[in-house]
Amino acid sequence: MEPYADAVVENSHGVVIALDVTAGAKRSSFPAGYNEWRKSIRCQVAAPAVGGKANRAIIDLVAGTLGVPRADVSIISGHTSSSKAVAIAGLSKSDVVACLNAASA
């Protein structure tokens, strides 16, 4: 099984990715590993978790990594938590897993 496949769920609108976020990191990185227990992909952002800055940085980072517009990426749960669910419109699970594998290589 591919390492990121358990963290990506396909639905009728696109996919939802489970993220384990570290805000205030030295540098931004996505994907930054895989958390087997939470079945989530690690994401590190340099922005602090203040005033929504980290959430905006997550959307920018995920959109850039997957090659989609920012408008196609939204945080659907975990706005104030380190565990987040991020929806990406217009991509399939296989597309997202392939992009994540390529980005982590």
N, C-alpha and C. Protein backbone atom coordinates (compact mmCIF):
# COMPACT_ATOMS: atom_id res chain seq x y z
N MET A 1 0.85 -1.19 0.00
CA MET A 1 0.00 0.00 0.00
C MET A 1 0.88 1.24 0.00
N GLU A 2 0.46 2.25 -0.71
CA GLU A 2 1.23 3.48 -0.77
C GLU A 2 1.13 4.21 0.56
N PRO A 3 2.20 4.89 0.98
CA PRO A 3 2.23 5.45 2.33
C PRO A 3 1.17 6.50 2.63
N TYR A 4 0.75 7.29 1.67
CA TYR A 4 -0.21 8.36 1.95
C TYR A 4 -1.65 7.99 1.66
N ALA A 5 -1.89 6.82 1.09
CA ALA A 5 -3.23 6.45 0.63
C ALA A 5 -4.27 6.42 1.76
N ASP A 6 -3.89 6.00 2.97
CA ASP A 6 -4.84 5.92 4.08
C ASP A 6 -5.31 7.30 4.55
N ALA A 7 -4.54 8.36 4.26
CA ALA A 7 -4.89 9.70 4.72
C ALA A 7 -5.73 10.46 3.70
N VAL A 8 -5.97 9.86 2.54
CA VAL A 8 -6.71 10.53 1.46
C VAL A 8 -8.01 9.76 1.20
N VAL A 9 -9.13 10.48 1.26
CA VAL A 9 -10.45 9.87 1.04
C VAL A 9 -11.12 10.60 -0.11
N GLU A 10 -11.62 9.83 -1.07
CA GLU A 10 -12.29 10.43 -2.22
C GLU A 10 -13.79 10.56 -1.94
N ASN A 11 -14.37 11.70 -2.39
CA ASN A 11 -15.82 11.88 -2.29
C ASN A 11 -16.32 12.44 -3.61
N SER A 12 -17.59 12.82 -3.68
CA SER A 12 -18.18 13.25 -4.95
C SER A 12 -17.63 14.59 -5.45
N HIS A 13 -17.05 15.40 -4.57
CA HIS A 13 -16.54 16.72 -4.95
C HIS A 13 -15.03 16.73 -5.20
N GLY A 14 -14.33 15.71 -4.79
CA GLY A 14 -12.87 15.66 -4.92
C GLY A 14 -12.31 14.73 -3.87
N VAL A 15 -11.36 15.24 -3.08
CA VAL A 15 -10.76 14.41 -2.03
C VAL A 15 -10.65 15.21 -0.73
N VAL A 16 -10.53 14.46 0.37
CA VAL A 16 -10.28 15.05 1.68
C VAL A 16 -9.00 14.42 2.20
N ILE A 17 -8.08 15.28 2.65
CA ILE A 17 -6.80 14.82 3.18
C ILE A 17 -6.77 15.10 4.68
N ALA A 18 -6.37 14.09 5.47
CA ALA A 18 -6.18 14.27 6.90
C ALA A 18 -4.76 14.79 7.13
N LEU A 19 -4.64 15.93 7.82
CA LEU A 19 -3.35 16.54 8.08
C LEU A 19 -3.05 16.59 9.57
N ASP A 20 -1.78 16.44 9.90
CA ASP A 20 -1.26 16.62 11.25
C ASP A 20 -0.30 17.81 11.15
N VAL A 21 -0.73 18.99 11.61
CA VAL A 21 -0.03 20.25 11.32
C VAL A 21 0.85 20.70 12.48
N THR A 22 2.03 21.19 12.13
CA THR A 22 2.92 21.87 13.08
C THR A 22 3.07 23.30 12.60
N ALA A 23 2.54 24.24 13.39
CA ALA A 23 2.66 25.66 13.05
C ALA A 23 3.90 26.24 13.74
N GLY A 24 4.47 27.27 13.15
CA GLY A 24 5.65 27.90 13.72
C GLY A 24 6.92 27.09 13.52
N ALA A 25 6.95 26.24 12.50
CA ALA A 25 8.13 25.42 12.21
C ALA A 25 9.23 26.30 11.60
N LYS A 26 10.45 25.77 11.56
CA LYS A 26 11.55 26.52 10.96
C LYS A 26 11.32 26.81 9.49
N ARG A 27 10.75 25.81 8.79
CA ARG A 27 10.45 26.01 7.37
C ARG A 27 9.18 25.25 7.03
N SER A 28 8.51 25.70 6.00
CA SER A 28 7.28 25.06 5.56
C SER A 28 7.60 23.83 4.73
N SER A 29 6.84 22.75 4.96
CA SER A 29 7.08 21.51 4.25
C SER A 29 5.80 20.68 4.19
N PHE A 30 5.46 20.21 2.98
CA PHE A 30 4.31 19.33 2.79
C PHE A 30 4.56 18.46 1.57
N PRO A 31 4.49 17.16 1.66
CA PRO A 31 4.29 16.38 2.87
C PRO A 31 5.58 16.30 3.68
N ALA A 32 5.45 16.27 5.00
CA ALA A 32 6.61 16.21 5.88
C ALA A 32 6.65 14.89 6.64
N GLY A 33 6.03 13.87 6.06
CA GLY A 33 6.00 12.55 6.69
C GLY A 33 4.58 12.05 6.82
N TYR A 34 4.46 10.90 7.46
CA TYR A 34 3.16 10.26 7.62
C TYR A 34 3.02 9.77 9.06
N ASN A 35 1.90 10.08 9.69
CA ASN A 35 1.61 9.63 11.05
C ASN A 35 0.75 8.38 10.96
N GLU A 36 1.33 7.22 11.22
CA GLU A 36 0.62 5.95 11.06
C GLU A 36 -0.53 5.80 12.05
N TRP A 37 -0.39 6.31 13.26
CA TRP A 37 -1.42 6.15 14.27
C TRP A 37 -2.65 6.98 13.95
N ARG A 38 -2.44 8.21 13.51
CA ARG A 38 -3.57 9.09 13.18
C ARG A 38 -4.01 8.93 11.73
N LYS A 39 -3.24 8.17 10.95
CA LYS A 39 -3.48 8.03 9.51
C LYS A 39 -3.62 9.40 8.87
N SER A 40 -2.60 10.23 9.10
CA SER A 40 -2.61 11.59 8.58
C SER A 40 -1.23 11.96 8.05
N ILE A 41 -1.22 12.94 7.17
CA ILE A 41 0.02 13.41 6.55
C ILE A 41 0.52 14.61 7.34
N ARG A 42 1.80 14.60 7.67
CA ARG A 42 2.37 15.72 8.42
C ARG A 42 2.58 16.92 7.50
N CYS A 43 2.28 18.09 8.04
CA CYS A 43 2.43 19.35 7.32
C CYS A 43 3.05 20.35 8.29
N GLN A 44 4.13 20.99 7.88
CA GLN A 44 4.80 21.99 8.71
C GLN A 44 4.70 23.34 8.02
N VAL A 45 4.28 24.36 8.76
CA VAL A 45 4.23 25.71 8.22
C VAL A 45 4.99 26.66 9.14
N ALA A 46 5.68 27.60 8.54
CA ALA A 46 6.46 28.56 9.30
C ALA A 46 5.57 29.60 9.98
N ALA A 47 4.39 29.82 9.44
CA ALA A 47 3.48 30.83 9.99
C ALA A 47 3.01 30.42 11.39
N PRO A 48 2.85 31.41 12.28
CA PRO A 48 2.36 31.10 13.63
C PRO A 48 0.87 30.80 13.62
N ALA A 49 0.41 30.08 14.63
CA ALA A 49 -1.01 29.74 14.74
C ALA A 49 -1.75 30.89 15.42
N VAL A 50 -1.71 32.07 14.79
CA VAL A 50 -2.33 33.27 15.34
C VAL A 50 -3.15 33.94 14.23
N GLY A 51 -4.40 34.23 14.52
CA GLY A 51 -5.22 34.97 13.57
C GLY A 51 -5.43 34.30 12.23
N GLY A 52 -5.38 32.99 12.18
CA GLY A 52 -5.61 32.28 10.92
C GLY A 52 -4.42 32.26 9.97
N LYS A 53 -3.26 32.78 10.40
CA LYS A 53 -2.08 32.81 9.52
C LYS A 53 -1.64 31.41 9.12
N ALA A 54 -1.61 30.49 10.08
CA ALA A 54 -1.18 29.12 9.78
C ALA A 54 -2.16 28.45 8.82
N ASN A 55 -3.46 28.66 9.00
CA ASN A 55 -4.45 28.06 8.10
C ASN A 55 -4.29 28.57 6.68
N ARG A 56 -4.04 29.87 6.52
CA ARG A 56 -3.81 30.42 5.17
C ARG A 56 -2.53 29.83 4.57
N ALA A 57 -1.50 29.66 5.39
CA ALA A 57 -0.24 29.08 4.91
C ALA A 57 -0.44 27.62 4.49
N ILE A 58 -1.28 26.89 5.22
CA ILE A 58 -1.57 25.49 4.87
C ILE A 58 -2.25 25.44 3.50
N ILE A 59 -3.24 26.30 3.29
CA ILE A 59 -3.95 26.31 2.01
C ILE A 59 -2.98 26.64 0.87
N ASP A 60 -2.11 27.63 1.07
CA ASP A 60 -1.11 27.99 0.05
C ASP A 60 -0.19 26.81 -0.25
N LEU A 61 0.30 26.16 0.80
CA LEU A 61 1.26 25.07 0.66
C LEU A 61 0.64 23.85 -0.03
N VAL A 62 -0.56 23.48 0.38
CA VAL A 62 -1.24 22.33 -0.22
C VAL A 62 -1.57 22.61 -1.68
N ALA A 63 -2.09 23.81 -1.97
CA ALA A 63 -2.42 24.18 -3.35
C ALA A 63 -1.17 24.16 -4.23
N GLY A 64 -0.08 24.70 -3.74
CA GLY A 64 1.17 24.71 -4.51
C GLY A 64 1.72 23.32 -4.76
N THR A 65 1.67 22.46 -3.75
CA THR A 65 2.18 21.10 -3.89
C THR A 65 1.36 20.29 -4.88
N LEU A 66 0.03 20.46 -4.84
CA LEU A 66 -0.85 19.67 -5.70
C LEU A 66 -1.11 20.34 -7.05
N GLY A 67 -0.66 21.57 -7.22
CA GLY A 67 -0.82 22.26 -8.49
C GLY A 67 -2.25 22.67 -8.79
N VAL A 68 -2.98 23.06 -7.76
CA VAL A 68 -4.37 23.51 -7.95
C VAL A 68 -4.49 24.96 -7.46
N PRO A 69 -5.52 25.68 -7.91
CA PRO A 69 -5.73 27.04 -7.41
C PRO A 69 -6.08 27.03 -5.92
N ARG A 70 -5.74 28.12 -5.21
CA ARG A 70 -6.08 28.23 -3.78
C ARG A 70 -7.57 28.06 -3.55
N ALA A 71 -8.39 28.52 -4.49
CA ALA A 71 -9.85 28.44 -4.33
C ALA A 71 -10.35 27.00 -4.28
N ASP A 72 -9.58 26.05 -4.79
CA ASP A 72 -9.98 24.64 -4.79
C ASP A 72 -9.60 23.92 -3.50
N VAL A 73 -8.92 24.61 -2.57
CA VAL A 73 -8.48 24.01 -1.32
C VAL A 73 -9.19 24.70 -0.17
N SER A 74 -9.77 23.92 0.74
CA SER A 74 -10.43 24.49 1.91
C SER A 74 -10.27 23.58 3.12
N ILE A 75 -10.16 24.21 4.27
CA ILE A 75 -10.09 23.46 5.52
C ILE A 75 -11.53 23.23 5.97
N ILE A 76 -11.93 21.95 6.09
CA ILE A 76 -13.32 21.65 6.43
C ILE A 76 -13.51 21.30 7.89
N SER A 77 -12.43 20.94 8.60
CA SER A 77 -12.53 20.72 10.04
C SER A 77 -11.17 20.91 10.67
N GLY A 78 -11.18 21.26 11.95
CA GLY A 78 -9.94 21.44 12.70
C GLY A 78 -9.33 22.81 12.55
N HIS A 79 -10.15 23.83 12.38
CA HIS A 79 -9.64 25.19 12.18
C HIS A 79 -8.73 25.65 13.32
N THR A 80 -8.99 25.20 14.55
CA THR A 80 -8.16 25.61 15.69
C THR A 80 -7.40 24.45 16.29
N SER A 81 -7.27 23.36 15.55
CA SER A 81 -6.60 22.15 16.03
C SER A 81 -5.39 21.84 15.15
N SER A 82 -4.51 20.99 15.67
CA SER A 82 -3.38 20.56 14.84
C SER A 82 -3.78 19.43 13.90
N SER A 83 -4.92 18.79 14.15
CA SER A 83 -5.46 17.77 13.26
C SER A 83 -6.52 18.41 12.38
N LYS A 84 -6.29 18.43 11.09
CA LYS A 84 -7.19 19.11 10.16
C LYS A 84 -7.63 18.18 9.04
N ALA A 85 -8.79 18.49 8.49
CA ALA A 85 -9.25 17.83 7.26
C ALA A 85 -9.32 18.91 6.19
N VAL A 86 -8.63 18.66 5.08
CA VAL A 86 -8.55 19.64 4.00
C VAL A 86 -9.17 19.03 2.75
N ALA A 87 -10.13 19.76 2.16
CA ALA A 87 -10.80 19.30 0.94
C ALA A 87 -10.13 19.93 -0.28
N ILE A 88 -9.94 19.11 -1.31
CA ILE A 88 -9.38 19.58 -2.58
C ILE A 88 -10.38 19.21 -3.66
N ALA A 89 -10.89 20.21 -4.36
CA ALA A 89 -11.89 19.99 -5.40
C ALA A 89 -11.21 19.64 -6.72
N GLY A 90 -11.85 18.76 -7.48
CA GLY A 90 -11.42 18.50 -8.84
C GLY A 90 -10.29 17.51 -9.04
N LEU A 91 -9.83 16.86 -7.98
CA LEU A 91 -8.77 15.86 -8.12
C LEU A 91 -9.28 14.51 -7.62
N SER A 92 -8.70 13.44 -8.16
CA SER A 92 -9.04 12.10 -7.68
C SER A 92 -8.01 11.68 -6.63
N LYS A 93 -8.35 10.63 -5.89
CA LYS A 93 -7.44 10.11 -4.86
C LYS A 93 -6.11 9.70 -5.48
N SER A 94 -6.15 9.05 -6.64
CA SER A 94 -4.90 8.60 -7.27
C SER A 94 -4.04 9.78 -7.70
N ASP A 95 -4.68 10.88 -8.16
CA ASP A 95 -3.92 12.09 -8.53
C ASP A 95 -3.19 12.67 -7.32
N VAL A 96 -3.91 12.76 -6.20
CA VAL A 96 -3.34 13.35 -4.99
C VAL A 96 -2.21 12.48 -4.44
N VAL A 97 -2.44 11.17 -4.37
CA VAL A 97 -1.40 10.27 -3.86
C VAL A 97 -0.15 10.32 -4.75
N ALA A 98 -0.34 10.39 -6.06
CA ALA A 98 0.80 10.50 -6.98
C ALA A 98 1.56 11.79 -6.76
N CYS A 99 0.85 12.92 -6.58
CA CYS A 99 1.51 14.21 -6.32
C CYS A 99 2.28 14.18 -5.01
N LEU A 100 1.68 13.59 -3.97
CA LEU A 100 2.34 13.51 -2.66
C LEU A 100 3.59 12.65 -2.72
N ASN A 101 3.50 11.52 -3.41
CA ASN A 101 4.67 10.64 -3.55
C ASN A 101 5.79 11.34 -4.32
N ALA A 102 5.43 12.08 -5.37
CA ALA A 102 6.42 12.81 -6.16
C ALA A 102 7.06 13.93 -5.33
N ALA A 103 6.25 14.62 -4.52
CA ALA A 103 6.75 15.73 -3.71
C ALA A 103 7.67 15.25 -2.59
N SER A 104 7.44 14.04 -2.09
CA SER A 104 8.25 13.55 -0.98
C SER A 104 9.51 12.82 -1.47
N ALA A 105 9.61 12.58 -2.75
CA ALA A 105 10.77 11.85 -3.29
C ALA A 105 12.01 12.71 -3.34
